[in-house]
Protein backbone atom coordinates (compact mmCIF):
# COMPACT_ATOMS: atom_id res chain seq x y z
CA UNK A 1 26.70 -60.80 287.99
CA UNK A 2 24.03 -61.46 285.45
CA UNK A 3 24.50 -58.04 284.06
CA UNK A 4 28.17 -58.50 283.77
CA UNK A 5 27.63 -61.79 281.74
CA UNK A 6 25.17 -59.94 279.45
CA UNK A 7 27.68 -57.08 278.67
CA UNK A 8 30.49 -59.56 278.08
CA UNK A 9 28.32 -61.75 275.85
CA UNK A 10 27.30 -58.69 273.72
CA UNK A 11 30.87 -57.64 273.39
CA UNK A 12 31.90 -60.95 272.09
CA UNK A 13 28.87 -61.09 269.61
CA UNK A 14 29.78 -57.63 268.43
CA UNK A 15 33.43 -58.37 267.73
CA UNK A 16 32.63 -61.71 265.94
CA UNK A 17 32.38 -59.89 262.68
CA UNK A 18 35.18 -57.48 263.14
CA UNK A 19 37.91 -58.46 260.98
CA UNK A 20 40.47 -55.94 262.15
CA UNK A 21 40.11 -57.13 265.80
CA UNK A 22 40.27 -60.82 264.72
CA UNK A 23 43.39 -60.02 262.82
CA UNK A 24 44.94 -58.37 265.66
CA UNK A 25 44.33 -61.32 267.89
CA UNK A 26 44.94 -64.21 265.36
CA UNK A 27 47.41 -62.96 262.72
CA UNK A 28 49.57 -60.10 263.95
CA UNK A 29 51.28 -61.86 266.81
CA UNK A 30 52.08 -64.88 264.42
CA UNK A 31 53.50 -62.72 261.88
CA UNK A 32 55.63 -60.53 264.33
CA UNK A 33 56.91 -63.58 266.09
CA UNK A 34 57.79 -65.25 262.69
CA UNK A 35 59.70 -62.20 261.64
CA UNK A 36 61.58 -62.08 264.94
CA UNK A 37 62.47 -65.64 264.67
CA UNK A 38 64.03 -64.86 261.19
CA UNK A 39 66.02 -61.91 262.57
CA UNK A 40 67.34 -63.34 265.93
CA UNK A 41 69.87 -66.44 265.70
CA UNK A 42 69.10 -67.39 269.39
CA UNK A 43 65.49 -66.06 270.03
CA UNK A 44 65.00 -67.84 273.36
CA UNK A 45 67.48 -65.25 275.01
CA UNK A 46 65.22 -62.34 274.07
CA UNK A 47 61.93 -64.24 273.96
CA UNK A 48 60.73 -63.31 277.52
CA UNK A 49 61.00 -59.55 276.87
CA UNK A 50 59.64 -59.57 273.28
CA UNK A 51 56.65 -61.63 274.33
CA UNK A 52 55.84 -59.62 277.32
CA UNK A 53 55.93 -56.31 275.23
CA UNK A 54 53.86 -57.84 272.42
CA UNK A 55 51.24 -59.22 274.84
CA UNK A 56 50.97 -55.98 276.91
CA UNK A 57 51.01 -53.68 273.73
CA UNK A 58 48.49 -55.70 271.65
CA UNK A 59 46.10 -56.21 274.48
CA UNK A 60 46.14 -52.48 275.31
CA UNK A 61 45.53 -51.54 271.81
CA UNK A 62 42.63 -54.17 271.51
CA UNK A 63 40.87 -53.19 274.58
CA UNK A 64 41.26 -49.33 274.54
CA UNK A 65 40.09 -49.06 270.92
CA UNK A 66 37.42 -51.57 271.39
CA UNK A 67 36.07 -49.81 274.52
CA UNK A 68 36.14 -46.47 272.74
CA UNK A 69 34.29 -47.69 269.83
CA UNK A 70 31.57 -48.96 272.18
CA UNK A 71 31.29 -45.31 273.46
CA UNK A 72 31.39 -43.70 269.99
CA UNK A 73 28.57 -46.06 268.82
CA UNK A 74 26.36 -44.97 271.74
CA UNK A 75 26.26 -48.67 272.99
CA UNK A 76 28.09 -47.53 276.19
CA UNK A 77 25.62 -44.77 277.21
CA UNK A 78 22.65 -47.20 276.51
CA UNK A 79 24.26 -49.59 278.83
CA UNK A 80 24.77 -46.95 281.38
CA UNK A 81 21.11 -46.00 281.63
CA UNK A 82 20.17 -49.58 282.01
CA UNK A 83 19.57 -51.28 285.42
CA UNK A 84 23.11 -52.75 285.15
CA UNK A 85 25.31 -51.24 288.01
CA UNK A 86 28.69 -49.55 287.29
CA UNK A 87 30.48 -52.48 288.91
CA UNK A 88 28.66 -55.05 286.58
CA UNK A 89 29.42 -52.82 283.69
CA UNK A 90 33.23 -52.80 284.36
CA UNK A 91 33.23 -56.49 285.24
CA UNK A 92 31.37 -57.27 281.97
CA UNK A 93 33.95 -55.46 279.95
CA UNK A 94 36.75 -57.06 281.76
CA UNK A 95 35.13 -60.60 281.22
CA UNK A 96 34.48 -59.98 277.66
CA UNK A 97 37.78 -58.60 276.63
CA UNK A 98 39.54 -60.86 279.07
CA UNK A 99 38.32 -63.78 277.01
CA UNK A 100 39.90 -62.07 273.89
CA UNK A 101 43.02 -61.43 275.83
CA UNK A 102 43.04 -65.16 276.71
CA UNK A 103 42.79 -66.06 272.96
CA UNK A 104 45.61 -63.62 272.24
CA UNK A 105 47.73 -65.13 274.94
CA UNK A 106 47.11 -68.78 273.44
CA UNK A 107 47.98 -67.49 269.97
CA UNK A 108 51.39 -65.89 271.23
CA UNK A 109 52.15 -69.06 273.14
CA UNK A 110 51.53 -71.29 270.20
CA UNK A 111 53.63 -69.12 267.86
CA UNK A 112 56.31 -68.86 270.30
CA UNK A 113 56.67 -72.65 270.60
CA UNK A 114 56.44 -73.03 266.83
CA UNK A 115 58.74 -70.37 265.62
CA UNK A 116 61.02 -69.74 268.52
CA UNK A 117 61.22 -73.40 269.47
CA UNK A 118 60.73 -72.15 272.89
CA UNK A 119 61.31 -74.35 275.95
CA UNK A 120 60.15 -73.41 279.47
CA UNK A 121 62.37 -73.99 282.31
CA UNK A 122 59.32 -73.94 284.69
CA UNK A 123 56.58 -75.43 282.54
CA UNK A 124 54.21 -73.96 280.06
CA UNK A 125 51.29 -73.66 282.48
CA UNK A 126 53.35 -71.05 284.61
CA UNK A 127 54.27 -69.30 281.33
CA UNK A 128 50.57 -68.93 280.31
CA UNK A 129 49.66 -67.83 283.84
CA UNK A 130 52.05 -64.90 283.75
CA UNK A 131 51.28 -64.11 280.12
CA UNK A 132 47.57 -64.10 280.94
CA UNK A 133 48.10 -61.89 284.12
CA UNK A 134 50.08 -59.52 282.19
CA UNK A 135 47.36 -59.30 279.39
CA UNK A 136 44.78 -58.56 282.12
CA UNK A 137 46.78 -55.77 283.62
CA UNK A 138 47.02 -54.11 279.97
CA UNK A 139 43.32 -54.67 279.52
CA UNK A 140 42.43 -52.90 282.72
CA UNK A 141 44.71 -50.04 281.83
CA UNK A 142 43.35 -49.88 278.38
CA UNK A 143 39.64 -49.59 279.73
CA UNK A 144 40.70 -46.88 282.21
CA UNK A 145 42.66 -44.86 279.64
CA UNK A 146 39.95 -45.09 276.85
CA UNK A 147 37.60 -43.28 279.21
CA UNK A 148 39.83 -40.22 278.81
CA UNK A 149 40.05 -40.46 274.95
CA UNK A 150 37.59 -38.92 272.33
CA UNK A 151 39.06 -40.85 269.37
CA UNK A 152 41.34 -43.55 268.37
CA UNK A 153 44.24 -41.09 267.77
CA UNK A 154 43.96 -40.12 271.46
CA UNK A 155 44.10 -43.63 272.55
CA UNK A 156 47.26 -44.07 270.61
CA UNK A 157 48.59 -40.78 272.19
CA UNK A 158 48.78 -42.60 275.49
CA UNK A 159 51.19 -45.15 274.29
CA UNK A 160 54.28 -42.83 274.38
CA UNK A 161 53.03 -41.39 277.82
CA UNK A 162 52.04 -44.61 279.50
CA UNK A 163 53.30 -47.66 277.74
CA UNK A 164 56.58 -46.65 276.34
CA UNK A 165 58.24 -45.69 279.62
CA UNK A 166 57.34 -49.12 280.98
CA UNK A 167 59.08 -50.67 277.93
CA UNK A 168 62.23 -48.54 278.46
CA UNK A 169 62.50 -48.92 282.29
CA UNK A 170 60.83 -52.37 282.74
CA UNK A 171 63.83 -54.68 282.10
CA UNK A 172 63.64 -54.56 278.23
CA UNK A 173 67.20 -53.12 277.70
CA UNK A 174 68.88 -53.57 281.20
CA UNK A 175 68.02 -55.06 284.52
CA UNK A 176 65.79 -52.97 286.61
CA UNK A 177 68.26 -53.23 289.47
CA UNK A 178 70.90 -51.49 287.37
CA UNK A 179 69.00 -48.53 286.86
CA UNK A 180 69.64 -45.27 288.69
CA UNK A 181 67.73 -45.29 292.05
CA UNK A 182 64.90 -42.89 291.05
CA UNK A 183 64.30 -44.71 287.88
CA UNK A 184 64.32 -48.04 289.67
CA UNK A 185 61.69 -46.73 291.95
CA UNK A 186 59.68 -45.69 289.03
CA UNK A 187 60.00 -49.03 287.24
CA UNK A 188 58.81 -50.81 290.40
CA UNK A 189 55.43 -49.19 289.99
CA UNK A 190 54.86 -50.28 286.41
CA UNK A 191 53.13 -53.63 285.56
CA UNK A 192 55.30 -54.44 282.62
CA UNK A 193 58.36 -54.67 284.93
CA UNK A 194 56.67 -57.62 286.70
CA UNK A 195 55.39 -59.18 283.46
CA UNK A 196 59.04 -59.26 282.18
CA UNK A 197 60.26 -60.46 285.57
CA UNK A 198 57.80 -63.41 285.56
CA UNK A 199 58.62 -64.23 282.00
CA UNK A 200 62.36 -64.26 282.62
CA UNK A 201 61.94 -66.74 285.43
CA UNK A 202 59.55 -69.12 283.72
CA UNK A 203 61.45 -69.09 280.36
CA UNK A 204 65.02 -68.65 281.29
CA UNK A 205 65.25 -69.48 285.16
CA UNK A 206 66.38 -66.08 285.67
CA UNK A 207 65.67 -65.01 289.49
CA UNK A 208 64.00 -67.09 292.01
CA UNK A 209 60.52 -68.54 292.76
CA UNK A 210 60.01 -65.55 295.01
CA UNK A 211 60.50 -63.20 291.95
CA UNK A 212 57.75 -65.10 290.28
CA UNK A 213 55.31 -64.81 293.01
CA UNK A 214 56.07 -61.26 293.47
CA UNK A 215 55.36 -60.63 289.77
CA UNK A 216 52.05 -62.65 290.01
CA UNK A 217 50.74 -60.64 293.01
CA UNK A 218 51.97 -57.27 291.59
CA UNK A 219 50.11 -57.91 288.24
CA UNK A 220 46.81 -58.93 290.05
CA UNK A 221 47.26 -55.80 292.13
CA UNK A 222 47.61 -53.57 288.97
CA UNK A 223 44.81 -55.18 287.27
CA UNK A 224 42.46 -54.68 290.32
CA UNK A 225 43.74 -51.07 290.84
CA UNK A 226 43.00 -50.14 287.29
CA UNK A 227 39.65 -51.75 287.38
CA UNK A 228 38.75 -49.92 290.53
CA UNK A 229 39.98 -46.69 289.08
CA UNK A 230 37.76 -47.29 285.88
CA UNK A 231 34.81 -47.92 288.06
CA UNK A 232 35.34 -44.74 289.88
CA UNK A 233 35.93 -42.68 286.62
CA UNK A 234 32.50 -43.93 285.36
CA UNK A 235 30.92 -41.64 287.87
CA UNK A 236 31.66 -38.58 285.83
CA UNK A 237 29.95 -40.31 282.88
CA UNK A 238 26.76 -41.43 284.50
């Protein structure tokens, strides 16, 4: 575990002077939420879906590109030949980028309350929990997919393949249960579906408490599954 802490601390120290990353975390969410607050007369009704998509997409971009830069700079290879185990390496990256995802989630929460004047039917703590778990699932997916990318363009190429179908089928435009059966089954194995489901319950009281906890368990499952897959993928690198 000391190895994981060392990796996460090095990530945070490296990104401290990265203005693009800091802007993605601290500025971009605020600007986007402000613009949406000016476009929608009643933003509360669309807030759960929009915030879910923002958190998921921005966390994926932040993590996947950041992890890729580590590999391009040779830092990743130097860590691989150190005494740190593959598991500690993956946990270190999850912890380091998880702290950044936490900061992003807090920024989104604050901007939503300020610009959307958002109220939470089931409390701000539950909202942050669901938002944070969604960010963690996107983080783990970002780490996994970045292992298959050689440059930032390839990282972005995964968006229409992996992220866009989740946005289309995950409840953004119509309830998942109203989809054709085959598409509903597909949507049920996508993390963004459960992030939107949890957000809808916490913000708008849509669904039941059971829907919330199904969403929580599902997001934890997808995070763990992606982290395990990333750990196994590292076998081909080492």
